Amino acid sequence: MAVNEELTGFLKEGLESGHPREQLEEILLEAGWQRDQVRSALGGFADVAFPIPVPRPKPYLFAREAFIYLVL
């Protein structure tokens, strides 16, 4: 599922402001976001103690690897 940029931006700002992940998740659910969307977006940030949100690396395939998988 693609993560909504507006949702990701909101979470980034909230985490930068020091709001707990649980509080951000709760408020987004109250606002009508779906739980899987919120958790997916939160999953994009590492849960580490650091003053700013740390993004997780995103998995990707090189075109050559994708081609080999398709040919097999």
PDB file of N, CA and C in Angstrom:
ATOM      1  N   MET A   1       0.846  -1.180   0.000  1.00  0.00           N
ATOM      2  CA  MET A   1       0.000   0.000   0.000  1.00  0.00           C
ATOM      3  C   MET A   1       0.890   1.241   0.000  1.00  0.00           C
ATOM      4  N   ALA A   2       0.581   2.169  -0.846  1.00  0.00           N
ATOM      5  CA  ALA A   2       1.330   3.425  -0.911  1.00  0.00           C
ATOM      6  C   ALA A   2       0.973   4.286   0.298  1.00  0.00           C
ATOM      7  N   VAL A   3       1.963   4.911   0.852  1.00  0.00           N
ATOM      8  CA  VAL A   3       1.760   5.760   2.024  1.00  0.00           C
ATOM      9  C   VAL A   3       1.443   7.176   1.564  1.00  0.00           C
ATOM     10  N   ASN A   4       0.415   7.757   2.143  1.00  0.00           N
ATOM     11  CA  ASN A   4      -0.034   9.097   1.821  1.00  0.00           C
ATOM     12  C   ASN A   4       0.998  10.127   2.288  1.00  0.00           C
ATOM     13  N   GLU A   5       1.398  11.032   1.394  1.00  0.00           N
ATOM     14  CA  GLU A   5       2.412  12.047   1.727  1.00  0.00           C
ATOM     15  C   GLU A   5       1.928  13.008   2.810  1.00  0.00           C
ATOM     16  N   GLU A   6       0.642  13.331   2.787  1.00  0.00           N
ATOM     17  CA  GLU A   6       0.083  14.227   3.802  1.00  0.00           C
ATOM     18  C   GLU A   6       0.178  13.569   5.183  1.00  0.00           C
ATOM     19  N   LEU A   7      -0.141  12.287   5.243  1.00  0.00           N
ATOM     20  CA  LEU A   7      -0.071  11.536   6.490  1.00  0.00           C
ATOM     21  C   LEU A   7       1.374  11.453   6.984  1.00  0.00           C
ATOM     22  N   THR A   8       2.287  11.142   6.086  1.00  0.00           N
ATOM     23  CA  THR A   8       3.701  11.047   6.445  1.00  0.00           C
ATOM     24  C   THR A   8       4.230  12.389   6.943  1.00  0.00           C
ATOM     25  N   GLY A   9       3.845  13.470   6.285  1.00  0.00           N
ATOM     26  CA  GLY A   9       4.270  14.804   6.709  1.00  0.00           C
ATOM     27  C   GLY A   9       3.755  15.156   8.096  1.00  0.00           C
ATOM     28  N   PHE A  10       2.485  14.811   8.348  1.00  0.00           N
ATOM     29  CA  PHE A  10       1.899  15.066   9.663  1.00  0.00           C
ATOM     30  C   PHE A  10       2.658  14.301  10.741  1.00  0.00           C
ATOM     31  N   LEU A  11       2.931  13.029  10.473  1.00  0.00           N
ATOM     32  CA  LEU A  11       3.648  12.214  11.450  1.00  0.00           C
ATOM     33  C   LEU A  11       5.061  12.735  11.682  1.00  0.00           C
ATOM     34  N   LYS A  12       5.714  13.149  10.630  1.00  0.00           N
ATOM     35  CA  LYS A  12       7.079  13.684  10.753  1.00  0.00           C
ATOM     36  C   LYS A  12       7.075  14.923  11.648  1.00  0.00           C
ATOM     37  N   GLU A  13       6.134  15.823  11.413  1.00  0.00           N
ATOM     38  CA  GLU A  13       6.037  17.036  12.236  1.00  0.00           C
ATOM     39  C   GLU A  13       5.701  16.695  13.684  1.00  0.00           C
ATOM     40  N   GLY A  14       4.775  15.745  13.855  1.00  0.00           N
ATOM     41  CA  GLY A  14       4.392  15.350  15.208  1.00  0.00           C
ATOM     42  C   GLY A  14       5.538  14.720  15.976  1.00  0.00           C
ATOM     43  N   LEU A  15       6.285  13.850  15.306  1.00  0.00           N
ATOM     44  CA  LEU A  15       7.432  13.213  15.952  1.00  0.00           C
ATOM     45  C   LEU A  15       8.520  14.237  16.257  1.00  0.00           C
ATOM     46  N   GLU A  16       8.729  15.185  15.341  1.00  0.00           N
ATOM     47  CA  GLU A  16       9.715  16.251  15.575  1.00  0.00           C
ATOM     48  C   GLU A  16       9.331  17.103  16.780  1.00  0.00           C
ATOM     49  N   SER A  17       8.036  17.265  16.998  1.00  0.00           N
ATOM     50  CA  SER A  17       7.551  18.072  18.123  1.00  0.00           C
ATOM     51  C   SER A  17       7.588  17.306  19.443  1.00  0.00           C
ATOM     52  N   GLY A  18       7.935  16.016  19.378  1.00  0.00           N
ATOM     53  CA  GLY A  18       8.054  15.223  20.597  1.00  0.00           C
ATOM     54  C   GLY A  18       6.811  14.471  21.015  1.00  0.00           C
ATOM     55  N   HIS A  19       5.791  14.429  20.162  1.00  0.00           N
ATOM     56  CA  HIS A  19       4.577  13.686  20.500  1.00  0.00           C
ATOM     57  C   HIS A  19       4.843  12.186  20.410  1.00  0.00           C
ATOM     58  N   PRO A  20       4.332  11.410  21.367  1.00  0.00           N
ATOM     59  CA  PRO A  20       4.519   9.957  21.325  1.00  0.00           C
ATOM     60  C   PRO A  20       3.806   9.339  20.120  1.00  0.00           C
ATOM     61  N   ARG A  21       4.387   8.272  19.598  1.00  0.00           N
ATOM     62  CA  ARG A  21       3.818   7.570  18.445  1.00  0.00           C
ATOM     63  C   ARG A  21       2.376   7.140  18.722  1.00  0.00           C
ATOM     64  N   GLU A  22       2.126   6.648  19.944  1.00  0.00           N
ATOM     65  CA  GLU A  22       0.792   6.160  20.305  1.00  0.00           C
ATOM     66  C   GLU A  22      -0.237   7.287  20.250  1.00  0.00           C
ATOM     67  N   GLN A  23       0.159   8.476  20.713  1.00  0.00           N
ATOM     68  CA  GLN A  23      -0.745   9.625  20.697  1.00  0.00           C
ATOM     69  C   GLN A  23      -1.055  10.040  19.259  1.00  0.00           C
ATOM     70  N   LEU A  24      -0.043  10.047  18.407  1.00  0.00           N
ATOM     71  CA  LEU A  24      -0.257  10.406  17.006  1.00  0.00           C
ATOM     72  C   LEU A  24      -1.172   9.395  16.326  1.00  0.00           C
ATOM     73  N   GLU A  25      -0.947   8.117  16.604  1.00  0.00           N
ATOM     74  CA  GLU A  25      -1.801   7.081  16.015  1.00  0.00           C
ATOM     75  C   GLU A  25      -3.247   7.261  16.471  1.00  0.00           C
ATOM     76  N   GLU A  26      -3.439   7.487  17.757  1.00  0.00           N
ATOM     77  CA  GLU A  26      -4.783   7.647  18.311  1.00  0.00           C
ATOM     78  C   GLU A  26      -5.522   8.835  17.685  1.00  0.00           C
ATOM     79  N   ILE A  27      -4.850   9.964  17.560  1.00  0.00           N
ATOM     80  CA  ILE A  27      -5.509  11.159  17.026  1.00  0.00           C
ATOM     81  C   ILE A  27      -5.853  10.984  15.552  1.00  0.00           C
ATOM     82  N   LEU A  28      -4.997  10.287  14.813  1.00  0.00           N
ATOM     83  CA  LEU A  28      -5.281  10.040  13.394  1.00  0.00           C
ATOM     84  C   LEU A  28      -6.457   9.085  13.225  1.00  0.00           C
ATOM     85  N   LEU A  29      -6.554   8.089  14.097  1.00  0.00           N
ATOM     86  CA  LEU A  29      -7.697   7.173  14.042  1.00  0.00           C
ATOM     87  C   LEU A  29      -8.991   7.923  14.352  1.00  0.00           C
ATOM     88  N   GLU A  30      -8.932   8.825  15.334  1.00  0.00           N
ATOM     89  CA  GLU A  30     -10.101   9.645  15.671  1.00  0.00           C
ATOM     90  C   GLU A  30     -10.500  10.541  14.505  1.00  0.00           C
ATOM     91  N   ALA A  31      -9.516  10.966  13.715  1.00  0.00           N
ATOM     92  CA  ALA A  31      -9.781  11.848  12.576  1.00  0.00           C
ATOM     93  C   ALA A  31     -10.295  11.085  11.358  1.00  0.00           C
ATOM     94  N   GLY A  32     -10.317   9.746  11.442  1.00  0.00           N
ATOM     95  CA  GLY A  32     -10.889   8.968  10.349  1.00  0.00           C
ATOM     96  C   GLY A  32      -9.904   8.195   9.487  1.00  0.00           C
ATOM     97  N   TRP A  33      -8.606   8.271   9.798  1.00  0.00           N
ATOM     98  CA  TRP A  33      -7.629   7.491   9.036  1.00  0.00           C
ATOM     99  C   TRP A  33      -7.782   6.020   9.395  1.00  0.00           C
ATOM    100  N   GLN A  34      -7.463   5.153   8.468  1.00  0.00           N
ATOM    101  CA  GLN A  34      -7.536   3.716   8.721  1.00  0.00           C
ATOM    102  C   GLN A  34      -6.285   3.264   9.462  1.00  0.00           C
ATOM    103  N   ARG A  35      -6.481   2.308  10.382  1.00  0.00           N
ATOM    104  CA  ARG A  35      -5.382   1.833  11.224  1.00  0.00           C
ATOM    105  C   ARG A  35      -4.197   1.328  10.399  1.00  0.00           C
ATOM    106  N   ASP A  36      -4.468   0.577   9.324  1.00  0.00           N
ATOM    107  CA  ASP A  36      -3.360   0.045   8.522  1.00  0.00           C
ATOM    108  C   ASP A  36      -2.588   1.162   7.818  1.00  0.00           C
ATOM    109  N   GLN A  37      -3.277   2.229   7.411  1.00  0.00           N
ATOM    110  CA  GLN A  37      -2.598   3.375   6.796  1.00  0.00           C
ATOM    111  C   GLN A  37      -1.670   4.054   7.802  1.00  0.00           C
ATOM    112  N   VAL A  38      -2.183   4.262   9.008  1.00  0.00           N
ATOM    113  CA  VAL A  38      -1.414   4.948  10.047  1.00  0.00           C
ATOM    114  C   VAL A  38      -0.199   4.116  10.441  1.00  0.00           C
ATOM    115  N   ARG A  39      -0.410   2.828  10.643  1.00  0.00           N
ATOM    116  CA  ARG A  39       0.708   1.963  11.057  1.00  0.00           C
ATOM    117  C   ARG A  39       1.749   1.831   9.956  1.00  0.00           C
ATOM    118  N   SER A  40       1.284   1.800   8.720  1.00  0.00           N
ATOM    119  CA  SER A  40       2.222   1.729   7.602  1.00  0.00           C
ATOM    120  C   SER A  40       3.074   2.994   7.547  1.00  0.00           C
ATOM    121  N   ALA A  41       2.448   4.138   7.733  1.00  0.00           N
ATOM    122  CA  ALA A  41       3.182   5.409   7.715  1.00  0.00           C
ATOM    123  C   ALA A  41       4.131   5.510   8.911  1.00  0.00           C
ATOM    124  N   LEU A  42       3.676   5.088  10.086  1.00  0.00           N
ATOM    125  CA  LEU A  42       4.542   5.104  11.264  1.00  0.00           C
ATOM    126  C   LEU A  42       5.713   4.148  11.086  1.00  0.00           C
ATOM    127  N   GLY A  43       5.476   3.056  10.374  1.00  0.00           N
ATOM    128  CA  GLY A  43       6.532   2.082  10.124  1.00  0.00           C
ATOM    129  C   GLY A  43       7.653   2.640   9.272  1.00  0.00           C
ATOM    130  N   GLY A  44       7.405   3.752   8.614  1.00  0.00           N
ATOM    131  CA  GLY A  44       8.426   4.391   7.806  1.00  0.00           C
ATOM    132  C   GLY A  44       9.457   5.148   8.627  1.00  0.00           C
ATOM    133  N   PHE A  45       9.199   5.267   9.931  1.00  0.00           N
ATOM    134  CA  PHE A  45      10.127   5.958  10.827  1.00  0.00           C
ATOM    135  C   PHE A  45      10.641   4.968  11.862  1.00  0.00           C
ATOM    136  N   ALA A  46      11.951   4.924  12.034  1.00  0.00           N
ATOM    137  CA  ALA A  46      12.552   4.030  13.024  1.00  0.00           C
ATOM    138  C   ALA A  46      12.136   4.475  14.424  1.00  0.00           C
ATOM    139  N   ASP A  47      11.881   3.505  15.290  1.00  0.00           N
ATOM    140  CA  ASP A  47      11.481   3.793  16.666  1.00  0.00           C
ATOM    141  C   ASP A  47      12.739   3.857  17.535  1.00  0.00           C
ATOM    142  N   VAL A  48      13.476   4.953  17.384  1.00  0.00           N
ATOM    143  CA  VAL A  48      14.721   5.157  18.129  1.00  0.00           C
ATOM    144  C   VAL A  48      14.657   6.493  18.860  1.00  0.00           C
ATOM    145  N   ALA A  49      15.418   6.568  19.941  1.00  0.00           N
ATOM    146  CA  ALA A  49      15.463   7.815  20.714  1.00  0.00           C
ATOM    147  C   ALA A  49      16.435   8.776  20.041  1.00  0.00           C
ATOM    148  N   PHE A  50      15.881   9.716  19.293  1.00  0.00           N
ATOM    149  CA  PHE A  50      16.681  10.726  18.606  1.00  0.00           C
ATOM    150  C   PHE A  50      15.799  11.952  18.449  1.00  0.00           C
ATOM    151  N   PRO A  51      16.360  13.162  18.505  1.00  0.00           N
ATOM    152  CA  PRO A  51      15.535  14.377  18.485  1.00  0.00           C
ATOM    153  C   PRO A  51      14.685  14.573  17.227  1.00  0.00           C
ATOM    154  N   ILE A  52      15.089  14.009  16.105  1.00  0.00           N
ATOM    155  CA  ILE A  52      14.291  14.143  14.881  1.00  0.00           C
ATOM    156  C   ILE A  52      13.920  12.752  14.376  1.00  0.00           C
ATOM    157  N   PRO A  53      12.824  12.617  13.634  1.00  0.00           N
ATOM    158  CA  PRO A  53      12.411  11.317  13.115  1.00  0.00           C
ATOM    159  C   PRO A  53      13.459  10.741  12.163  1.00  0.00           C
ATOM    160  N   VAL A  54      13.761   9.471  12.357  1.00  0.00           N
ATOM    161  CA  VAL A  54      14.750   8.794  11.523  1.00  0.00           C
ATOM    162  C   VAL A  54      14.008   7.904  10.529  1.00  0.00           C
ATOM    163  N   PRO A  55      14.137   8.180   9.227  1.00  0.00           N
ATOM    164  CA  PRO A  55      13.432   7.350   8.246  1.00  0.00           C
ATOM    165  C   PRO A  55      14.071   5.969   8.142  1.00  0.00           C
ATOM    166  N   ARG A  56      13.235   4.968   7.889  1.00  0.00           N
ATOM    167  CA  ARG A  56      13.729   3.615   7.642  1.00  0.00           C
ATOM    168  C   ARG A  56      14.087   3.509   6.166  1.00  0.00           C
ATOM    169  N   PRO A  57      15.064   2.669   5.838  1.00  0.00           N
ATOM    170  CA  PRO A  57      15.372   2.458   4.418  1.00  0.00           C
ATOM    171  C   PRO A  57      14.223   1.728   3.737  1.00  0.00           C
ATOM    172  N   LYS A  58      13.975   2.075   2.493  1.00  0.00           N
ATOM    173  CA  LYS A  58      12.895   1.443   1.735  1.00  0.00           C
ATOM    174  C   LYS A  58      13.488   0.374   0.826  1.00  0.00           C
ATOM    175  N   PRO A  59      12.891  -0.823   0.821  1.00  0.00           N
ATOM    176  CA  PRO A  59      13.401  -1.868  -0.070  1.00  0.00           C
ATOM    177  C   PRO A  59      13.113  -1.516  -1.529  1.00  0.00           C
ATOM    178  N   TYR A  60      14.015  -1.894  -2.391  1.00  0.00           N
ATOM    179  CA  TYR A  60      13.814  -1.646  -3.812  1.00  0.00           C
ATOM    180  C   TYR A  60      14.577  -2.691  -4.609  1.00  0.00           C
ATOM    181  N   LEU A  61      14.211  -2.880  -5.844  1.00  0.00           N
ATOM    182  CA  LEU A  61      14.885  -3.793  -6.762  1.00  0.00           C
ATOM    183  C   LEU A  61      15.506  -2.994  -7.887  1.00  0.00           C
ATOM    184  N   PHE A  62      16.665  -3.434  -8.310  1.00  0.00           N
ATOM    185  CA  PHE A  62      17.244  -2.859  -9.507  1.00  0.00           C
ATOM    186  C   PHE A  62      16.508  -3.438 -10.706  1.00  0.00           C
ATOM    187  N   ALA A  63      16.461  -2.721 -11.794  1.00  0.00           N
ATOM    188  CA  ALA A  63      15.760  -3.177 -12.996  1.00  0.00           C
ATOM    189  C   ALA A  63      16.293  -4.533 -13.443  1.00  0.00           C
ATOM    190  N   ARG A  64      17.594  -4.730 -13.360  1.00  0.00           N
ATOM    191  CA  ARG A  64      18.195  -6.000 -13.778  1.00  0.00           C
ATOM    192  C   ARG A  64      17.672  -7.150 -12.915  1.00  0.00           C
ATOM    193  N   GLU A  65      17.601  -6.957 -11.593  1.00  0.00           N
ATOM    194  CA  GLU A  65      17.102  -7.996 -10.697  1.00  0.00           C
ATOM    195  C   GLU A  65      15.642  -8.307 -10.978  1.00  0.00           C
ATOM    196  N   ALA A  66      14.843  -7.291 -11.208  1.00  0.00           N
ATOM    197  CA  ALA A  66      13.429  -7.498 -11.517  1.00  0.00           C
ATOM    198  C   ALA A  66      13.281  -8.296 -12.802  1.00  0.00           C
ATOM    199  N   PHE A  67      14.080  -7.990 -13.798  1.00  0.00           N
ATOM    200  CA  PHE A  67      14.028  -8.716 -15.068  1.00  0.00           C
ATOM    201  C   PHE A  67      14.375 -10.188 -14.855  1.00  0.00           C
ATOM    202  N   ILE A  68      15.409 -10.466 -14.080  1.00  0.00           N
ATOM    203  CA  ILE A  68      15.813 -11.856 -13.832  1.00  0.00           C
ATOM    204  C   ILE A  68      14.705 -12.617 -13.116  1.00  0.00           C
ATOM    205  N   TYR A  69      14.062 -11.997 -12.127  1.00  0.00           N
ATOM    206  CA  TYR A  69      12.964 -12.653 -11.424  1.00  0.00           C
ATOM    207  C   TYR A  69      11.803 -12.948 -12.364  1.00  0.00           C
ATOM    208  N   LEU A  70      11.531 -12.052 -13.272  1.00  0.00           N
ATOM    209  CA  LEU A  70      10.437 -12.259 -14.220  1.00  0.00           C
ATOM    210  C   LEU A  70      10.753 -13.363 -15.212  1.00  0.00           C
ATOM    211  N   VAL A  71      12.007 -13.465 -15.631  1.00  0.00           N
ATOM    212  CA  VAL A  71      12.410 -14.474 -16.612  1.00  0.00           C
ATOM    213  C   VAL A  71      12.384 -15.867 -15.995  1.00  0.00           C
ATOM    214  N   LEU A  72      12.726 -15.961 -14.716  1.00  0.00           N
ATOM    215  CA  LEU A  72      12.737 -17.267 -14.052  1.00  0.00           C
ATOM    216  C   LEU A  72      11.337 -17.748 -13.945  1.00  0.00           C
TER     217      LEU A  72
END
